[in-house]
Protein backbone atom coordinates (compact mmCIF):
# COMPACT_ATOMS: atom_id res chain seq x y z
CA MET A 1 -8.01 -52.78 69.70
CA ASP A 2 -6.41 -49.54 69.06
CA SER A 3 -8.01 -47.16 71.42
CA LEU A 4 -8.12 -44.58 68.69
CA LYS A 5 -9.99 -47.07 66.67
CA PHE A 6 -12.28 -48.08 69.92
CA ALA A 7 -13.00 -43.87 69.84
CA LYS A 8 -13.96 -43.51 66.29
CA GLN A 9 -16.47 -46.53 66.90
CA ILE A 10 -18.45 -44.90 69.90
CA ALA A 11 -18.29 -42.21 67.95
CA GLN A 12 -20.32 -43.73 64.96
CA LEU A 13 -22.52 -45.53 67.39
CA ILE A 14 -23.22 -42.48 68.73
CA LEU A 15 -24.00 -40.49 65.08
CA ASN A 16 -26.19 -43.57 64.35
CA LYS A 17 -28.26 -42.16 67.44
CA LYS A 18 -28.41 -38.52 66.00
CA GLY A 19 -25.41 -37.35 68.76
CA TYR A 20 -23.93 -34.08 67.15
CA ASP A 21 -20.74 -31.92 67.69
CA ILE A 22 -19.02 -35.22 68.23
CA LYS A 23 -15.62 -34.67 69.32
CA ILE A 24 -12.59 -36.63 70.01
CA LEU A 25 -9.95 -35.35 72.08
CA ASP A 26 -6.87 -37.12 72.45
CA ILE A 27 -5.49 -36.83 75.98
CA ARG A 28 -2.59 -39.39 75.88
CA LYS A 29 0.17 -36.97 75.95
CA ILE A 30 -1.57 -34.80 79.01
CA SER A 31 -3.21 -37.36 81.20
CA THR A 32 -2.88 -40.92 82.63
CA ILE A 33 -6.75 -41.29 83.25
CA SER A 34 -7.57 -42.37 79.52
CA ASP A 35 -5.69 -42.18 75.94
CA PHE A 36 -9.18 -40.51 74.64
CA PHE A 37 -12.36 -38.58 75.06
CA VAL A 38 -15.28 -38.94 73.18
CA ILE A 39 -17.69 -36.02 73.59
CA CYS A 40 -21.00 -35.16 71.82
CA SER A 41 -24.26 -33.35 72.39
CA ALA A 42 -27.58 -34.30 72.53
CA GLU A 43 -31.13 -32.33 72.40
CA VAL A 44 -33.33 -33.69 75.24
CA ASP A 45 -32.75 -36.32 78.10
CA LYS A 46 -34.09 -38.61 76.16
CA GLN A 47 -31.84 -38.56 73.32
CA VAL A 48 -28.90 -38.31 75.65
CA LYS A 49 -30.46 -41.70 77.35
CA ALA A 50 -30.64 -43.21 74.15
CA ILE A 51 -27.33 -42.57 73.20
CA ALA A 52 -25.82 -44.00 76.30
CA ASP A 53 -28.10 -47.24 75.94
CA GLU A 54 -26.78 -47.75 72.04
CA VAL A 55 -23.21 -46.90 73.33
CA GLU A 56 -23.48 -49.95 76.11
CA GLU A 57 -25.54 -52.07 74.53
CA LYS A 58 -23.56 -52.42 71.05
CA LEU A 59 -20.37 -52.73 72.82
CA THR A 60 -21.63 -55.17 75.64
CA LYS A 61 -22.68 -57.59 72.73
CA LYS A 62 -19.15 -57.49 71.47
CA GLY A 63 -17.84 -58.45 74.77
CA ILE A 64 -16.66 -54.75 76.13
CA LYS A 65 -17.90 -54.00 79.17
CA CYS A 66 -18.65 -50.55 80.53
CA PHE A 67 -16.27 -50.05 83.94
CA SER A 68 -18.44 -47.14 85.09
CA LYS A 69 -21.42 -45.07 84.36
CA GLU A 70 -22.18 -42.07 85.76
CA GLY A 71 -25.30 -39.25 85.35
CA TYR A 72 -27.46 -41.59 83.95
CA GLU A 73 -30.27 -40.69 87.09
CA THR A 74 -30.20 -36.93 85.66
CA LEU A 75 -29.07 -37.76 82.29
CA ASN A 76 -27.88 -33.85 81.96
CA TRP A 77 -24.08 -35.25 81.33
CA VAL A 78 -23.92 -39.14 81.06
CA ILE A 79 -19.82 -40.61 81.21
CA LEU A 80 -19.31 -43.97 80.57
CA ASP A 81 -16.00 -45.28 81.07
CA TYR A 82 -14.31 -47.74 79.03
CA PHE A 83 -10.70 -47.24 80.50
CA ASP A 84 -9.05 -46.25 77.05
CA VAL A 85 -11.78 -44.29 75.99
CA ILE A 86 -14.00 -42.16 78.20
CA VAL A 87 -17.64 -41.18 76.64
CA HIS A 88 -19.34 -37.74 77.64
CA ILE A 89 -22.53 -37.38 76.19
CA PHE A 90 -24.12 -33.96 77.33
CA ARG A 91 -27.57 -32.01 77.20
CA ASN A 92 -26.13 -29.29 74.92
CA GLU A 93 -26.51 -26.23 77.54
CA THR A 94 -24.69 -28.74 80.24
CA ARG A 95 -21.63 -29.18 77.59
CA ASN A 96 -21.86 -25.44 76.75
CA TYR A 97 -21.26 -24.89 80.60
CA TYR A 98 -18.52 -26.78 81.17
CA ASN A 99 -16.48 -26.74 78.08
CA LEU A 100 -14.39 -29.69 78.21
CA GLU A 101 -12.95 -28.91 74.91
CA LYS A 102 -11.65 -25.77 76.48
CA LEU A 103 -10.66 -27.20 79.61
CA TRP A 104 -8.47 -30.35 77.76
CA GLY A 105 -7.22 -27.23 75.20
CA ASP A 106 -3.93 -28.64 74.76
CA ALA A 107 -5.24 -32.00 73.24
CA PRO A 108 -5.84 -32.70 69.80
CA LEU A 109 -8.90 -32.73 68.76
CA ILE A 110 -10.68 -34.69 66.04
CA SER A 111 -13.89 -33.81 64.87
CA PHE A 112 -16.30 -36.44 63.71
CA ASP A 113 -19.24 -36.45 61.21
CA ASN A 114 -18.30 -39.93 60.16
CA GLU A 115 -15.15 -41.95 60.03
CA GLU A 116 -14.12 -40.96 56.42
CA GLU A 117 -14.58 -37.47 57.51
CA SER A 118 -12.82 -36.89 60.71
CA THR A 119 -10.77 -34.40 60.72
CA ILE A 120 -7.68 -33.90 63.38
CA LYS A 121 -7.21 -30.47 64.55
CA SER A 122 -5.11 -28.98 67.41
CA THR A 123 -7.20 -26.84 69.67
CA ASN A 124 -4.20 -25.17 70.87
CA LYS A 125 -2.29 -22.62 68.49
CA LYS A 126 0.97 -23.14 70.47
CA SER A 127 0.84 -26.86 69.86
CA LYS A 128 0.38 -26.34 66.02
CA SER A 129 3.59 -23.85 65.98
CA THR A 130 5.69 -26.60 67.77
CA THR A 131 4.35 -29.31 65.38
CA LYS A 132 5.41 -26.95 62.81
CA LYS A 133 8.79 -26.49 64.06
CA LYS A 134 9.63 -30.28 64.84
CA THR A 135 8.87 -30.88 60.85
CA GLU A 136 10.67 -27.90 59.66
């Protein structure tokens, strides 16, 4: 499966469990650890758990195993590693503190409300101007 399509599939699973502020970071050109990060927020630890369980359960049913899972004990920041896509499920205040979108600010960003409305943005103004120069 294409890794972007896989990331969007995960984002939809998160949305189904009322995860919000879902972002997909395209890190293919700036890191070798993965292709995409899927990042979302949840209000309480029970919701973090529900989102993590939903993603893992639905993907396992499709024969896709999670390589590694971290943070499940504390439920402030759960990481699910699927090699090409790494899922970050945050409690809102923890997400604000670590601010992965800023840390990985050179990565193009896809905001995800649903697959039909997902929009690609660059969080780096330099990247936008570079893209414009290439197309002119």
